[in-house]
Amino acid sequence: MRQGDAEYLAALDETVEILRRWAREGRSDGWYKSLSEELKANGHGVHYRGPIISLLLGDACRSDSQGRDPMLSAIVILKATGRPAGQFFELAKGAPFHRTAADWTWEQERARVFARYRES
């Protein structure tokens, strides 16, 4: 699987759907491994420690938000730390998100994701 190929795009669509469902459910146990397992169950072999999952989460955020909306992948966390991986924070700083305010936290971002999808 390579970013942009048909298999990747299908996995991306599935990733967005899974994350939106998790957000509607208010899941606070959305681990990378859980996402990987759900993707695998749906025919997408994406390892939770591999580079593809990071690409999928970044692209899921960009496809779901034009920058002002909350970042969908804020609900995906590492089981060991209870926080997103470093790639999430790097994504948050860059375009189109620009989450650089001193008082910004991923917990607030996660709460915004849950609120957005509860309202839908």
N, C-alpha and C. Protein backbone atom coordinates (compact mmCIF):
# COMPACT_ATOMS: atom_id res chain seq x y z
N MET A 1 0.85 -1.17 0.00
CA MET A 1 0.00 0.00 0.00
C MET A 1 0.90 1.24 0.00
N ARG A 2 0.57 2.17 -0.88
CA ARG A 2 1.29 3.44 -0.95
C ARG A 2 0.29 4.59 -0.91
N GLN A 3 0.71 5.68 -0.30
CA GLN A 3 -0.16 6.85 -0.20
C GLN A 3 -0.63 7.24 -1.59
N GLY A 4 -1.95 7.35 -1.75
CA GLY A 4 -2.54 7.78 -3.00
C GLY A 4 -3.01 6.68 -3.91
N ASP A 5 -2.54 5.42 -3.69
CA ASP A 5 -3.01 4.35 -4.57
C ASP A 5 -4.43 3.92 -4.16
N ALA A 6 -5.06 3.10 -4.97
CA ALA A 6 -6.45 2.71 -4.75
C ALA A 6 -6.64 2.03 -3.40
N GLU A 7 -5.71 1.18 -3.03
CA GLU A 7 -5.80 0.48 -1.75
C GLU A 7 -5.72 1.48 -0.59
N TYR A 8 -4.82 2.43 -0.71
CA TYR A 8 -4.66 3.46 0.32
C TYR A 8 -5.94 4.30 0.43
N LEU A 9 -6.48 4.71 -0.70
CA LEU A 9 -7.68 5.54 -0.69
C LEU A 9 -8.86 4.82 -0.06
N ALA A 10 -8.96 3.51 -0.32
CA ALA A 10 -10.02 2.72 0.31
C ALA A 10 -9.80 2.65 1.82
N ALA A 11 -8.56 2.46 2.24
CA ALA A 11 -8.24 2.44 3.68
C ALA A 11 -8.50 3.80 4.31
N LEU A 12 -8.23 4.87 3.58
CA LEU A 12 -8.50 6.22 4.08
C LEU A 12 -9.99 6.43 4.31
N ASP A 13 -10.81 6.04 3.34
CA ASP A 13 -12.26 6.16 3.51
C ASP A 13 -12.73 5.40 4.74
N GLU A 14 -12.20 4.19 4.91
CA GLU A 14 -12.57 3.38 6.06
C GLU A 14 -12.09 4.02 7.36
N THR A 15 -10.89 4.58 7.36
CA THR A 15 -10.35 5.25 8.54
C THR A 15 -11.26 6.40 8.97
N VAL A 16 -11.68 7.22 8.01
CA VAL A 16 -12.56 8.36 8.32
C VAL A 16 -13.87 7.86 8.90
N GLU A 17 -14.44 6.81 8.33
CA GLU A 17 -15.71 6.28 8.84
C GLU A 17 -15.56 5.73 10.25
N ILE A 18 -14.47 5.00 10.50
CA ILE A 18 -14.23 4.47 11.85
C ILE A 18 -14.09 5.60 12.85
N LEU A 19 -13.30 6.61 12.52
CA LEU A 19 -13.07 7.70 13.46
C LEU A 19 -14.34 8.50 13.70
N ARG A 20 -15.14 8.72 12.68
CA ARG A 20 -16.42 9.42 12.88
C ARG A 20 -17.34 8.62 13.79
N ARG A 21 -17.36 7.30 13.62
CA ARG A 21 -18.19 6.45 14.49
C ARG A 21 -17.68 6.52 15.92
N TRP A 22 -16.36 6.40 16.10
CA TRP A 22 -15.78 6.50 17.44
C TRP A 22 -16.15 7.84 18.07
N ALA A 23 -16.09 8.91 17.29
CA ALA A 23 -16.42 10.24 17.81
C ALA A 23 -17.89 10.32 18.22
N ARG A 24 -18.78 9.77 17.41
CA ARG A 24 -20.21 9.76 17.76
C ARG A 24 -20.43 8.97 19.05
N GLU A 25 -19.66 7.90 19.23
CA GLU A 25 -19.77 7.07 20.42
C GLU A 25 -19.07 7.68 21.63
N GLY A 26 -18.27 8.72 21.42
CA GLY A 26 -17.52 9.35 22.50
C GLY A 26 -16.43 8.44 23.07
N ARG A 27 -15.86 7.61 22.23
CA ARG A 27 -14.86 6.63 22.68
C ARG A 27 -13.58 7.30 23.16
N SER A 28 -13.19 6.98 24.37
CA SER A 28 -11.93 7.49 24.90
C SER A 28 -10.85 6.42 24.88
N ASP A 29 -11.16 5.27 24.28
CA ASP A 29 -10.20 4.17 24.16
C ASP A 29 -9.86 3.90 22.69
N GLY A 30 -9.80 4.94 21.91
CA GLY A 30 -9.50 4.81 20.48
C GLY A 30 -8.00 4.67 20.26
N TRP A 31 -7.47 3.50 20.55
CA TRP A 31 -6.04 3.27 20.43
C TRP A 31 -5.64 3.02 19.00
N TYR A 32 -4.39 3.30 18.69
CA TYR A 32 -3.84 3.02 17.37
C TYR A 32 -4.02 1.55 17.02
N LYS A 33 -3.78 0.69 17.98
CA LYS A 33 -3.93 -0.75 17.73
C LYS A 33 -5.38 -1.11 17.42
N SER A 34 -6.33 -0.50 18.11
CA SER A 34 -7.74 -0.76 17.85
C SER A 34 -8.11 -0.33 16.43
N LEU A 35 -7.60 0.82 16.02
CA LEU A 35 -7.85 1.29 14.66
C LEU A 35 -7.27 0.32 13.65
N SER A 36 -6.03 -0.12 13.89
CA SER A 36 -5.38 -1.08 13.01
C SER A 36 -6.20 -2.37 12.91
N GLU A 37 -6.70 -2.85 14.03
CA GLU A 37 -7.50 -4.08 14.04
C GLU A 37 -8.80 -3.92 13.28
N GLU A 38 -9.46 -2.76 13.43
CA GLU A 38 -10.70 -2.53 12.68
C GLU A 38 -10.43 -2.43 11.18
N LEU A 39 -9.34 -1.77 10.83
CA LEU A 39 -8.98 -1.68 9.42
C LEU A 39 -8.69 -3.07 8.86
N LYS A 40 -7.95 -3.87 9.61
CA LYS A 40 -7.63 -5.23 9.16
C LYS A 40 -8.90 -6.06 8.98
N ALA A 41 -9.83 -5.94 9.91
CA ALA A 41 -11.09 -6.69 9.82
C ALA A 41 -11.88 -6.31 8.57
N ASN A 42 -11.62 -5.11 8.06
CA ASN A 42 -12.30 -4.63 6.85
C ASN A 42 -11.42 -4.75 5.61
N GLY A 43 -10.37 -5.56 5.70
CA GLY A 43 -9.55 -5.87 4.54
C GLY A 43 -8.38 -4.94 4.27
N HIS A 44 -8.02 -4.12 5.24
CA HIS A 44 -6.92 -3.18 5.06
C HIS A 44 -5.81 -3.50 6.06
N GLY A 45 -4.74 -4.09 5.59
CA GLY A 45 -3.63 -4.48 6.45
C GLY A 45 -2.74 -3.31 6.80
N VAL A 46 -3.09 -2.57 7.83
CA VAL A 46 -2.34 -1.40 8.26
C VAL A 46 -1.86 -1.66 9.69
N HIS A 47 -0.55 -1.74 9.87
CA HIS A 47 0.00 -2.00 11.20
C HIS A 47 -0.04 -0.72 12.02
N TYR A 48 -0.36 -0.87 13.28
CA TYR A 48 -0.50 0.31 14.15
C TYR A 48 0.81 1.00 14.48
N ARG A 49 1.93 0.36 14.22
CA ARG A 49 3.23 1.02 14.44
C ARG A 49 3.92 1.37 13.14
N GLY A 50 3.25 1.19 12.03
CA GLY A 50 3.87 1.47 10.74
C GLY A 50 3.63 2.88 10.27
N PRO A 51 4.32 3.27 9.22
CA PRO A 51 4.19 4.64 8.71
C PRO A 51 2.84 4.92 8.04
N ILE A 52 2.20 3.89 7.52
CA ILE A 52 0.94 4.11 6.81
C ILE A 52 -0.15 4.63 7.74
N ILE A 53 -0.20 4.15 8.96
CA ILE A 53 -1.26 4.61 9.87
C ILE A 53 -1.12 6.10 10.14
N SER A 54 0.11 6.58 10.25
CA SER A 54 0.32 8.03 10.45
C SER A 54 -0.14 8.82 9.24
N LEU A 55 0.16 8.31 8.05
CA LEU A 55 -0.29 8.98 6.83
C LEU A 55 -1.81 8.99 6.74
N LEU A 56 -2.43 7.86 7.07
CA LEU A 56 -3.89 7.78 7.03
C LEU A 56 -4.52 8.77 8.00
N LEU A 57 -3.98 8.86 9.20
CA LEU A 57 -4.55 9.78 10.19
C LEU A 57 -4.38 11.24 9.76
N GLY A 58 -3.25 11.57 9.20
CA GLY A 58 -3.05 12.93 8.70
C GLY A 58 -4.01 13.25 7.57
N ASP A 59 -4.13 12.32 6.63
CA ASP A 59 -5.04 12.55 5.50
C ASP A 59 -6.49 12.54 5.95
N ALA A 60 -6.83 11.74 6.96
CA ALA A 60 -8.19 11.74 7.49
C ALA A 60 -8.52 13.11 8.08
N CYS A 61 -7.57 13.69 8.81
CA CYS A 61 -7.77 15.03 9.37
C CYS A 61 -7.99 16.05 8.26
N ARG A 62 -7.13 16.00 7.25
CA ARG A 62 -7.23 16.99 6.16
C ARG A 62 -8.50 16.81 5.35
N SER A 63 -8.98 15.59 5.20
CA SER A 63 -10.20 15.38 4.42
C SER A 63 -11.44 15.76 5.22
N ASP A 64 -11.33 15.75 6.55
CA ASP A 64 -12.47 16.03 7.42
C ASP A 64 -12.55 17.49 7.84
N SER A 65 -11.45 18.22 7.71
CA SER A 65 -11.39 19.59 8.22
C SER A 65 -10.59 20.47 7.27
N GLN A 66 -11.04 21.67 7.13
CA GLN A 66 -10.30 22.65 6.34
C GLN A 66 -9.43 23.51 7.24
N GLY A 67 -9.26 23.10 8.47
CA GLY A 67 -8.39 23.81 9.39
C GLY A 67 -9.08 24.33 10.63
N ARG A 68 -10.27 24.86 10.47
CA ARG A 68 -10.98 25.40 11.63
C ARG A 68 -11.74 24.32 12.39
N ASP A 69 -12.25 23.34 11.66
CA ASP A 69 -12.95 22.23 12.32
C ASP A 69 -11.96 21.44 13.16
N PRO A 70 -12.45 20.73 14.16
CA PRO A 70 -11.53 19.94 14.99
C PRO A 70 -10.85 18.84 14.20
N MET A 71 -9.69 18.47 14.66
CA MET A 71 -8.87 17.45 13.99
C MET A 71 -9.35 16.06 14.40
N LEU A 72 -9.92 15.34 13.46
CA LEU A 72 -10.55 14.05 13.72
C LEU A 72 -9.63 13.06 14.42
N SER A 73 -8.35 13.07 14.11
CA SER A 73 -7.45 12.08 14.70
C SER A 73 -7.07 12.39 16.14
N ALA A 74 -7.59 13.47 16.72
CA ALA A 74 -7.32 13.78 18.12
C ALA A 74 -7.86 12.70 19.05
N ILE A 75 -8.76 11.87 18.55
CA ILE A 75 -9.34 10.83 19.40
C ILE A 75 -8.56 9.53 19.36
N VAL A 76 -7.48 9.46 18.57
CA VAL A 76 -6.66 8.26 18.49
C VAL A 76 -5.46 8.45 19.40
N ILE A 77 -5.31 7.52 20.35
CA ILE A 77 -4.29 7.66 21.38
C ILE A 77 -3.42 6.42 21.51
N LEU A 78 -2.26 6.62 22.09
CA LEU A 78 -1.38 5.51 22.43
C LEU A 78 -1.86 4.90 23.75
N LYS A 79 -1.98 3.60 23.78
CA LYS A 79 -2.45 2.93 24.99
C LYS A 79 -1.51 3.21 26.17
N ALA A 80 -0.22 3.25 25.91
CA ALA A 80 0.77 3.41 26.97
C ALA A 80 0.71 4.79 27.63
N THR A 81 0.37 5.82 26.87
CA THR A 81 0.41 7.19 27.41
C THR A 81 -0.95 7.84 27.56
N GLY A 82 -1.95 7.32 26.83
CA GLY A 82 -3.27 7.95 26.86
C GLY A 82 -3.32 9.25 26.09
N ARG A 83 -2.32 9.46 25.23
CA ARG A 83 -2.22 10.68 24.41
C ARG A 83 -1.91 10.29 22.97
N PRO A 84 -2.17 11.17 22.03
CA PRO A 84 -1.77 10.89 20.64
C PRO A 84 -0.25 10.80 20.51
N ALA A 85 0.17 10.18 19.44
CA ALA A 85 1.60 10.10 19.13
C ALA A 85 2.12 11.48 18.71
N GLY A 86 3.43 11.61 18.69
CA GLY A 86 4.06 12.86 18.32
C GLY A 86 3.67 13.38 16.95
N GLN A 87 3.38 12.48 16.02
CA GLN A 87 2.98 12.89 14.67
C GLN A 87 1.72 13.75 14.69
N PHE A 88 0.81 13.46 15.64
CA PHE A 88 -0.41 14.26 15.75
C PHE A 88 -0.06 15.71 16.08
N PHE A 89 0.84 15.89 17.01
CA PHE A 89 1.19 17.25 17.44
C PHE A 89 1.93 18.01 16.34
N GLU A 90 2.73 17.30 15.56
CA GLU A 90 3.39 17.93 14.41
C GLU A 90 2.36 18.35 13.37
N LEU A 91 1.41 17.48 13.10
CA LEU A 91 0.33 17.79 12.16
C LEU A 91 -0.46 19.01 12.64
N ALA A 92 -0.73 19.05 13.94
CA ALA A 92 -1.52 20.14 14.50
C ALA A 92 -0.86 21.50 14.30
N LYS A 93 0.46 21.54 14.36
CA LYS A 93 1.18 22.81 14.20
C LYS A 93 1.17 23.33 12.76
N GLY A 94 1.08 22.42 11.79
CA GLY A 94 1.22 22.79 10.39
C GLY A 94 -0.08 23.17 9.73
N ALA A 95 0.04 23.51 8.44
CA ALA A 95 -1.12 23.86 7.63
C ALA A 95 -1.96 22.62 7.37
N PRO A 96 -3.25 22.71 7.33
CA PRO A 96 -4.08 23.91 7.48
C PRO A 96 -4.55 24.16 8.92
N PHE A 97 -3.99 23.44 9.89
CA PHE A 97 -4.54 23.47 11.25
C PHE A 97 -3.98 24.61 12.11
N HIS A 98 -2.69 24.81 12.09
CA HIS A 98 -2.05 25.92 12.81
C HIS A 98 -2.47 26.00 14.27
N ARG A 99 -2.41 24.88 14.95
CA ARG A 99 -2.75 24.85 16.38
C ARG A 99 -1.49 25.22 17.16
N THR A 100 -1.20 26.51 17.22
CA THR A 100 0.04 26.99 17.84
C THR A 100 -0.20 27.89 19.05
N ALA A 101 -1.44 28.16 19.39
CA ALA A 101 -1.72 29.03 20.55
C ALA A 101 -1.17 28.37 21.81
N ALA A 102 -0.65 29.16 22.69
CA ALA A 102 -0.05 28.66 23.92
C ALA A 102 -1.03 27.88 24.78
N ASP A 103 -2.31 28.23 24.70
CA ASP A 103 -3.31 27.57 25.55
C ASP A 103 -4.02 26.40 24.85
N TRP A 104 -3.60 26.06 23.62
CA TRP A 104 -4.22 24.93 22.91
C TRP A 104 -3.77 23.61 23.53
N THR A 105 -4.72 22.67 23.68
CA THR A 105 -4.39 21.33 24.16
C THR A 105 -5.10 20.30 23.29
N TRP A 106 -4.52 19.13 23.21
CA TRP A 106 -5.17 18.07 22.44
C TRP A 106 -6.46 17.62 23.13
N GLU A 107 -6.52 17.75 24.46
CA GLU A 107 -7.75 17.39 25.17
C GLU A 107 -8.92 18.28 24.72
N GLN A 108 -8.64 19.56 24.54
CA GLN A 108 -9.67 20.47 24.03
C GLN A 108 -10.05 20.08 22.60
N GLU A 109 -9.05 19.73 21.82
CA GLU A 109 -9.29 19.33 20.43
C GLU A 109 -10.16 18.07 20.39
N ARG A 110 -9.83 17.11 21.23
CA ARG A 110 -10.61 15.88 21.32
C ARG A 110 -12.05 16.18 21.72
N ALA A 111 -12.25 17.04 22.70
CA ALA A 111 -13.59 17.42 23.14
C ALA A 111 -14.37 18.07 22.00
N ARG A 112 -13.69 18.87 21.19
CA ARG A 112 -14.34 19.51 20.04
C ARG A 112 -14.77 18.46 19.00
N VAL A 113 -13.92 17.43 18.81
CA VAL A 113 -14.29 16.35 17.88
C VAL A 113 -15.55 15.66 18.38
N PHE A 114 -15.57 15.29 19.66
CA PHE A 114 -16.74 14.61 20.21
C PHE A 114 -17.99 15.50 20.08
N ALA A 115 -17.87 16.77 20.38
CA ALA A 115 -19.01 17.69 20.29
C ALA A 115 -19.49 17.81 18.85
N ARG A 116 -18.58 17.90 17.91
CA ARG A 116 -18.96 18.04 16.50
C ARG A 116 -19.77 16.84 16.02
N TYR A 117 -19.36 15.66 16.38
CA TYR A 117 -20.05 14.48 15.87
C TYR A 117 -21.26 14.09 16.70
N ARG A 118 -21.34 14.52 17.93
CA ARG A 118 -22.59 14.31 18.70
C ARG A 118 -23.70 15.15 18.12
N GLU A 119 -23.35 16.34 17.61
CA GLU A 119 -24.34 17.26 17.05
C GLU A 119 -24.82 16.82 15.68
N SER A 120 -24.04 16.02 14.97
CA SER A 120 -24.38 15.62 13.60
C SER A 120 -25.51 14.62 13.56
